[in-house]
Every structure is written in C-alpha cells, then in structure tokens.
Protein backbone atom coordinates (compact mmCIF):
# COMPACT_ATOMS: atom_id res chain seq x y z
CA MET A 1 -124.51 120.22 -128.82
CA SER A 2 -125.05 116.59 -129.78
CA ASP A 3 -126.34 115.56 -133.17
CA ASN A 4 -129.79 114.52 -131.94
CA GLN A 5 -130.64 117.89 -130.36
CA ILE A 6 -132.62 120.29 -132.51
CA PRO A 7 -131.79 123.96 -131.89
CA GLN A 8 -134.78 125.79 -130.47
CA PRO A 9 -135.88 129.08 -132.01
CA LEU A 10 -135.14 132.16 -129.94
CA LYS A 11 -138.01 133.58 -127.92
CA ASN A 12 -138.95 137.24 -128.08
CA ALA A 13 -138.81 138.39 -124.46
CA GLY A 14 -140.89 141.50 -125.20
CA LEU A 15 -143.62 139.41 -126.81
CA ALA A 16 -143.60 137.04 -123.83
CA ALA A 17 -144.12 139.99 -121.47
CA VAL A 18 -146.90 141.47 -123.63
CA LEU A 19 -148.70 138.13 -123.84
CA SER A 20 -148.56 137.86 -120.04
CA ALA A 21 -149.86 141.42 -119.79
CA LEU A 22 -152.84 140.48 -121.97
CA TRP A 23 -153.56 137.21 -120.15
CA CYS A 24 -151.57 136.11 -117.13
CA GLY A 25 -149.73 132.87 -117.93
CA LEU A 26 -149.86 133.26 -121.71
CA GLY A 27 -146.23 134.41 -121.84
CA GLN A 28 -145.14 131.32 -119.94
CA ILE A 29 -147.01 129.13 -122.42
CA TYR A 30 -145.30 130.98 -125.29
CA ASN A 31 -141.96 130.18 -123.62
CA GLY A 32 -142.88 126.48 -123.56
CA GLN A 33 -143.64 126.34 -119.84
CA ILE A 34 -147.16 124.96 -120.25
CA ALA A 35 -147.76 123.76 -116.68
CA LYS A 36 -146.41 126.99 -115.21
CA GLY A 37 -148.61 129.05 -117.53
CA ILE A 38 -151.72 127.10 -116.59
CA ALA A 39 -150.82 127.45 -112.90
CA PHE A 40 -150.49 131.24 -113.34
CA MET A 41 -153.91 131.31 -115.03
CA VAL A 42 -155.54 129.32 -112.23
CA ILE A 43 -153.95 131.52 -109.55
CA GLN A 44 -155.09 134.65 -111.36
CA PHE A 45 -158.64 133.27 -111.60
CA ILE A 46 -158.59 132.68 -107.83
CA ASN A 47 -157.27 136.23 -107.35
CA ALA A 48 -160.18 137.54 -109.42
CA LEU A 49 -162.60 135.68 -107.14
CA LEU A 50 -160.78 137.10 -104.12
CA CYS A 51 -161.69 140.59 -105.31
CA PHE A 52 -165.11 139.93 -103.77
CA ILE A 53 -163.45 139.91 -100.35
CA ILE A 54 -161.09 142.84 -101.06
CA ILE A 55 -157.77 140.91 -100.82
CA GLY A 56 -157.92 140.21 -104.56
CA PHE A 57 -157.41 143.89 -105.27
CA ILE A 58 -153.94 143.46 -103.78
CA THR A 59 -153.04 139.97 -105.02
CA TYR A 60 -154.36 140.35 -108.60
CA PRO A 61 -151.98 143.15 -109.70
CA ILE A 62 -149.05 141.54 -107.87
CA MET A 63 -149.57 138.27 -109.75
CA TRP A 64 -150.12 140.14 -113.03
CA ILE A 65 -146.82 142.02 -112.71
CA TRP A 66 -144.99 138.90 -111.53
CA GLY A 67 -146.30 137.00 -114.57
CA MET A 68 -145.00 139.64 -116.98
CA LEU A 69 -141.57 139.82 -115.34
CA ASP A 70 -141.28 136.04 -115.13
CA ALA A 71 -142.20 135.57 -118.80
CA TYR A 72 -139.62 138.17 -119.86
CA ARG A 73 -136.84 136.74 -117.70
CA GLN A 74 -137.55 133.15 -118.70
CA ALA A 75 -137.47 134.06 -122.41
CA GLU A 76 -134.10 135.76 -121.87
CA LEU A 77 -132.77 132.69 -120.01
CA LEU A 78 -134.03 130.33 -122.72
CA ASN A 79 -132.34 132.46 -125.37
CA GLN A 80 -129.05 132.47 -123.44
CA LYS A 81 -129.24 128.71 -122.94
CA ASN A 82 -130.04 128.05 -126.59
CA SER A 83 -127.33 130.39 -127.87
CA SER A 84 -124.71 128.79 -125.59
CA GLN A 85 -125.65 125.34 -126.88
CA THR A 86 -125.07 126.43 -130.48
CA ASP A 87 -121.67 128.00 -129.68
CA PHE A 88 -118.86 125.47 -129.86
C-alpha cells in the first residue's frame, strides 16, 4: 500500500444484506457503490409498477433477493481487497 492511500474501514456483510432487505439498493450504497445502489432502487420501483400487469410479482422478489446477495458478496470482496492491501 502506498503512503497516500487511506485504509478503508471493513464493511459488515450481514449489515449490507439486511439494509438491502429493508430497501433494495441500500446495501450497495452502504458498500460505497452509490450508482449501483440507485440503479437497484430505480429497477425495484419499476418492478413495483410492473405488479399492476402481473410480471412484477415475479421480477420484484428476484431483484430483492439479488440485491441482498450482491450487497453481501460485494462487502466480502471489499473486505478481502482492503485486508490484502494492508498486508505487506
């Protein structure tokens, strides 16, 4: 790690998953992936609207579960990346 890089705090993968369970995309924002989190929120809003034509009942839970899994995995990857940067 070079001198000008500030070590990032570790992310709690469980918290990231819970935040995404509460509001799709919130876990991604917690992980620092702002654009991805906003995109997940917009997609989930569209899925909610699609419930009026039945397809949303399929796409909404798929996106919700994908958001939770993605937030958890990304937090784990960020933690691995940050811990490998601090190991010399």
